Amino acid sequence: MIKNKQRQGIVPSENSYKIKKMVILALLSAMAYIITFVCRLPIMPSASFLDLEFKSAIILIGSFIFDPLSGFVMSVVICLLEMVTFSTTGIIGCIMNIIATVCFVCPAAYVYKKKKNTSGAIVGIVIGTILMTVAMLLWNYIVTPIYMGIPREAITSMLLPVYVPFNLLKSGLNGGIALFIFKFANQALQKTHLIPTQDDNISENKNSVVGAVIVSCLIIITCVLVIFAYNGIF
């Protein structure tokens, strides 16, 4: 009887957490989709078809809170929604969108899952940035000439001066924004008991949070200044 009661007590708790997780991920996905819909910025004068958007920041926050699989699911769902609503790039553009987002989000979340502190998040973001940049270089070299109907030589000449800085800036800004918001969002969700409270051995003190905020601000400011320079603002 006691064992049965214990089991009955555990199941509702597990179900409750799964429901909370689904609701939080759904809300984050909706936020990411809306942000992508209302805010798409061309930042490279020589490639106006490359838009900066910030859905990866929201997806990364969800991945840090839960796990890399959550980030993968969010990435696929949001990119598919983009394709069937406002995107004009079709199925090929959708696939490349998914690959770029997953290559950035999932490695970063995986590293953070192994080392749940500020340094783990930063290292994860750096690794995700590198993997996304490399993946997009390969995909743009192979697919974009076919997709856009232009000579491969034209794309090759744009890889280093256009695609590399664009992907570095895009992932840098999204990573910096995610790092800045995540610390506060994670603490708020724990205090409201929407997610489990972290153990003492992996919880972070105020100095660590301040450090994350400082690092994220430096990343964001640096990326913004580089974008201004590319656009000849100064």
Protein backbone atom coordinates (compact mmCIF):
# COMPACT_ATOMS: atom_id res chain seq x y z
CA MET A 1 0.00 0.00 0.00
CA ILE A 2 2.76 2.40 0.94
CA LYS A 3 4.59 1.73 -2.31
CA ASN A 4 1.43 2.27 -4.31
CA LYS A 5 0.77 5.56 -2.55
CA GLN A 6 4.34 6.65 -3.19
CA ARG A 7 3.98 5.81 -6.85
CA GLN A 8 0.69 7.64 -7.05
CA GLY A 9 2.38 10.64 -5.48
CA ILE A 10 5.27 10.61 -7.93
CA VAL A 11 3.24 10.38 -11.13
CA PRO A 12 1.25 13.60 -10.73
CA SER A 13 4.50 15.43 -9.91
CA GLU A 14 6.19 14.13 -13.07
CA ASN A 15 3.12 14.92 -15.16
CA SER A 16 2.95 18.38 -13.66
CA TYR A 17 6.58 19.08 -14.60
CA LYS A 18 6.03 17.82 -18.17
CA ILE A 19 3.00 20.08 -18.56
CA LYS A 20 4.91 23.08 -17.19
CA LYS A 21 7.80 22.31 -19.53
CA MET A 22 5.50 22.10 -22.56
CA VAL A 23 3.79 25.37 -21.64
CA ILE A 24 7.09 27.20 -21.14
CA LEU A 25 8.52 25.88 -24.41
CA ALA A 26 5.32 26.80 -26.26
CA LEU A 27 5.45 30.35 -24.88
CA LEU A 28 9.12 30.71 -25.77
CA SER A 29 8.46 29.36 -29.26
CA ALA A 30 5.64 31.84 -29.75
CA MET A 31 7.91 34.67 -28.61
CA ALA A 32 10.67 33.55 -30.97
CA TYR A 33 8.26 33.36 -33.91
CA ILE A 34 6.76 36.80 -33.23
CA ILE A 35 10.19 38.39 -32.80
CA THR A 36 11.33 36.88 -36.09
CA PHE A 37 8.19 38.11 -37.83
CA VAL A 38 8.43 41.72 -36.63
CA CYS A 39 12.20 42.18 -36.53
CA ARG A 40 14.40 41.18 -39.46
CA LEU A 41 17.35 43.50 -40.12
CA PRO A 42 19.62 43.51 -43.19
CA ILE A 43 23.08 44.24 -41.76
CA MET A 44 25.38 43.46 -44.70
CA PRO A 45 25.22 46.13 -47.43
CA SER A 46 26.70 43.75 -49.99
CA ALA A 47 24.13 41.03 -49.21
CA SER A 48 20.75 42.55 -48.42
CA PHE A 49 19.13 39.10 -48.61
CA LEU A 50 20.85 38.11 -45.34
CA ASP A 51 18.63 39.20 -42.47
CA LEU A 52 19.60 39.37 -38.83
CA GLU A 53 16.89 37.94 -36.57
CA PHE A 54 16.79 36.98 -32.91
CA LYS A 55 14.84 33.74 -32.61
CA SER A 56 18.02 31.82 -31.77
CA ALA A 57 18.36 33.84 -28.55
CA ILE A 58 14.93 32.73 -27.32
CA ILE A 59 15.49 29.13 -28.44
CA LEU A 60 18.85 29.10 -26.68
CA ILE A 61 17.23 30.28 -23.44
CA GLY A 62 14.77 27.39 -23.63
CA SER A 63 17.63 24.98 -24.35
CA PHE A 64 19.63 26.23 -21.38
CA ILE A 65 16.61 25.91 -19.10
CA PHE A 66 15.75 22.38 -20.22
CA ASP A 67 17.96 20.45 -22.66
CA PRO A 68 19.38 20.36 -26.22
CA LEU A 69 16.45 18.26 -27.47
CA SER A 70 14.06 21.04 -26.49
CA GLY A 71 16.16 23.43 -28.55
CA PHE A 72 16.07 21.09 -31.53
CA VAL A 73 12.28 20.74 -31.39
CA MET A 74 11.79 24.50 -31.00
CA SER A 75 14.11 25.19 -33.93
CA VAL A 76 12.28 22.82 -36.28
CA VAL A 77 8.80 24.01 -35.28
CA ILE A 78 9.61 27.72 -35.57
CA CYS A 79 11.43 27.38 -38.90
CA LEU A 80 8.52 25.38 -40.34
CA LEU A 81 6.08 28.05 -39.14
CA GLU A 82 8.21 30.68 -40.84
CA MET A 83 8.15 28.71 -44.09
CA VAL A 84 4.35 28.35 -44.22
CA THR A 85 3.58 31.92 -43.13
CA PHE A 86 5.87 34.79 -44.10
CA SER A 87 9.13 33.31 -45.44
CA THR A 88 9.74 33.38 -49.20
CA THR A 89 12.73 31.04 -49.28
CA GLY A 90 10.77 27.81 -49.64
CA ILE A 91 11.74 24.36 -48.41
CA ILE A 92 15.45 24.80 -49.15
CA GLY A 93 15.57 28.01 -47.17
CA CYS A 94 13.68 26.29 -44.36
CA ILE A 95 16.18 23.42 -44.24
CA MET A 96 19.11 25.83 -44.13
CA ASN A 97 17.34 27.84 -41.46
CA ILE A 98 16.87 24.72 -39.34
CA ILE A 99 20.48 23.63 -39.80
CA ALA A 100 21.85 27.05 -38.86
CA THR A 101 19.68 27.31 -35.75
CA VAL A 102 20.31 23.74 -34.59
CA CYS A 103 24.09 23.97 -35.17
CA PHE A 104 24.17 27.05 -32.93
CA VAL A 105 21.67 26.12 -30.23
CA CYS A 106 22.16 22.40 -29.59
CA PRO A 107 25.96 22.35 -29.09
CA ALA A 108 25.73 25.38 -26.79
CA ALA A 109 22.99 23.72 -24.74
CA TYR A 110 24.89 20.42 -24.61
CA VAL A 111 28.02 22.10 -23.22
CA TYR A 112 25.96 24.02 -20.69
CA LYS A 113 24.20 20.82 -19.62
CA LYS A 114 27.62 19.31 -18.81
CA LYS A 115 28.84 22.43 -17.00
CA LYS A 116 25.96 24.48 -15.59
CA ASN A 117 27.64 27.79 -14.88
CA THR A 118 28.52 31.01 -16.66
CA SER A 119 31.76 29.69 -18.15
CA GLY A 120 29.90 26.64 -19.47
CA ALA A 121 27.31 28.87 -21.14
CA ILE A 122 30.00 31.08 -22.69
CA VAL A 123 32.05 28.13 -23.95
CA GLY A 124 28.88 26.57 -25.35
CA ILE A 125 27.96 29.77 -27.19
CA VAL A 126 31.47 30.02 -28.67
CA ILE A 127 31.36 26.40 -29.86
CA GLY A 128 27.87 26.88 -31.27
CA THR A 129 29.01 30.02 -33.08
CA ILE A 130 31.95 28.23 -34.70
CA LEU A 131 29.87 25.19 -35.73
CA MET A 132 27.09 27.33 -37.20
CA THR A 133 29.55 29.48 -39.15
CA VAL A 134 31.34 26.44 -40.60
CA ALA A 135 28.06 24.66 -41.42
CA MET A 136 26.66 27.71 -43.18
CA LEU A 137 29.86 28.16 -45.19
CA LEU A 138 29.51 24.62 -46.51
CA TRP A 139 25.79 24.84 -47.14
CA ASN A 140 25.99 28.22 -48.84
CA TYR A 141 28.86 27.01 -51.02
CA ILE A 142 26.99 23.87 -52.09
CA VAL A 143 23.32 24.87 -52.10
CA THR A 144 23.05 28.64 -52.63
CA PRO A 145 24.29 28.67 -56.27
CA ILE A 146 21.63 26.08 -57.15
CA TYR A 147 18.95 27.74 -55.02
CA MET A 148 19.57 31.30 -56.27
CA GLY A 149 20.58 30.36 -59.80
CA ILE A 150 23.89 32.21 -59.75
CA PRO A 151 27.45 31.05 -60.55
CA ARG A 152 29.27 29.26 -57.75
CA GLU A 153 32.18 31.66 -58.21
CA ALA A 154 29.95 34.52 -57.10
CA ILE A 155 29.11 32.73 -53.86
CA THR A 156 32.72 31.67 -53.32
CA SER A 157 33.84 35.29 -53.49
CA MET A 158 31.30 36.16 -50.76
CA LEU A 159 32.15 33.39 -48.28
CA LEU A 160 34.90 35.15 -46.31
CA PRO A 161 33.91 38.82 -46.65
CA VAL A 162 30.14 38.30 -46.23
CA TYR A 163 28.98 34.94 -44.90
CA VAL A 164 31.64 34.52 -42.21
CA PRO A 165 31.14 37.95 -40.55
CA PHE A 166 27.36 37.71 -40.94
CA ASN A 167 27.14 34.38 -39.13
CA LEU A 168 29.62 35.46 -36.46
CA LEU A 169 27.65 38.65 -35.80
CA LYS A 170 24.30 36.88 -35.87
CA SER A 171 25.36 34.15 -33.43
CA GLY A 172 27.29 36.61 -31.28
CA LEU A 173 24.30 38.90 -30.83
CA ASN A 174 21.89 36.03 -30.21
CA GLY A 175 24.31 34.42 -27.78
CA GLY A 176 24.91 37.66 -25.90
CA ILE A 177 21.19 38.40 -25.62
CA ALA A 178 20.45 34.83 -24.49
CA LEU A 179 23.20 34.93 -21.85
CA PHE A 180 21.91 38.25 -20.52
CA ILE A 181 18.26 37.19 -20.26
CA PHE A 182 18.77 33.56 -19.23
CA LYS A 183 20.20 34.24 -15.79
CA PHE A 184 17.19 36.29 -14.75
CA ALA A 185 14.64 34.05 -16.48
CA ASN A 186 16.10 30.92 -14.90
CA GLN A 187 16.03 32.41 -11.40
CA ALA A 188 12.47 33.67 -11.87
CA LEU A 189 11.24 30.25 -13.04
CA GLN A 190 12.91 28.55 -10.09
CA LYS A 191 11.46 30.99 -7.56
CA THR A 192 7.96 30.45 -8.95
CA HIS A 193 8.53 26.65 -8.88
CA LEU A 194 7.90 26.30 -12.61
CA ILE A 195 11.19 24.44 -12.91
CA PRO A 196 13.14 22.49 -10.25
CA THR A 197 15.56 24.44 -8.08
CA GLN A 198 19.18 23.69 -8.88
CA ASP A 199 21.38 21.87 -6.39
CA ASP A 200 23.78 23.91 -4.27
CA ASN A 201 26.80 22.53 -6.10
CA ILE A 202 25.69 23.96 -9.46
CA SER A 203 23.76 27.05 -8.37
CA GLU A 204 25.48 30.34 -9.03
CA ASN A 205 26.09 33.29 -6.75
CA LYS A 206 25.44 36.94 -7.45
CA ASN A 207 29.01 37.57 -8.62
CA SER A 208 28.59 34.92 -11.30
CA VAL A 209 25.35 36.49 -12.52
CA VAL A 210 27.00 39.91 -12.63
CA GLY A 211 29.88 38.39 -14.60
CA ALA A 212 27.44 36.90 -17.11
CA VAL A 213 25.72 40.25 -17.54
CA ILE A 214 29.03 42.04 -18.10
CA VAL A 215 30.23 39.47 -20.64
CA SER A 216 26.92 39.52 -22.50
CA CYS A 217 26.92 43.31 -22.65
CA LEU A 218 30.47 43.34 -24.03
CA ILE A 219 29.50 40.81 -26.71
CA ILE A 220 26.40 42.75 -27.72
CA ILE A 221 28.18 46.11 -27.82
CA THR A 222 31.06 44.68 -29.86
CA CYS A 223 28.69 43.14 -32.41
CA VAL A 224 26.67 46.34 -32.71
CA LEU A 225 29.81 48.43 -33.27
CA VAL A 226 31.01 46.03 -35.97
CA ILE A 227 27.60 46.22 -37.69
CA PHE A 228 27.78 50.03 -37.60
CA ALA A 229 31.26 49.88 -39.13
CA TYR A 230 30.07 47.55 -41.92
CA ASN A 231 27.28 49.97 -42.74
CA GLY A 232 29.59 53.01 -42.73
CA ILE A 233 27.87 54.73 -39.80
CA PHE A 234 31.28 55.67 -38.40
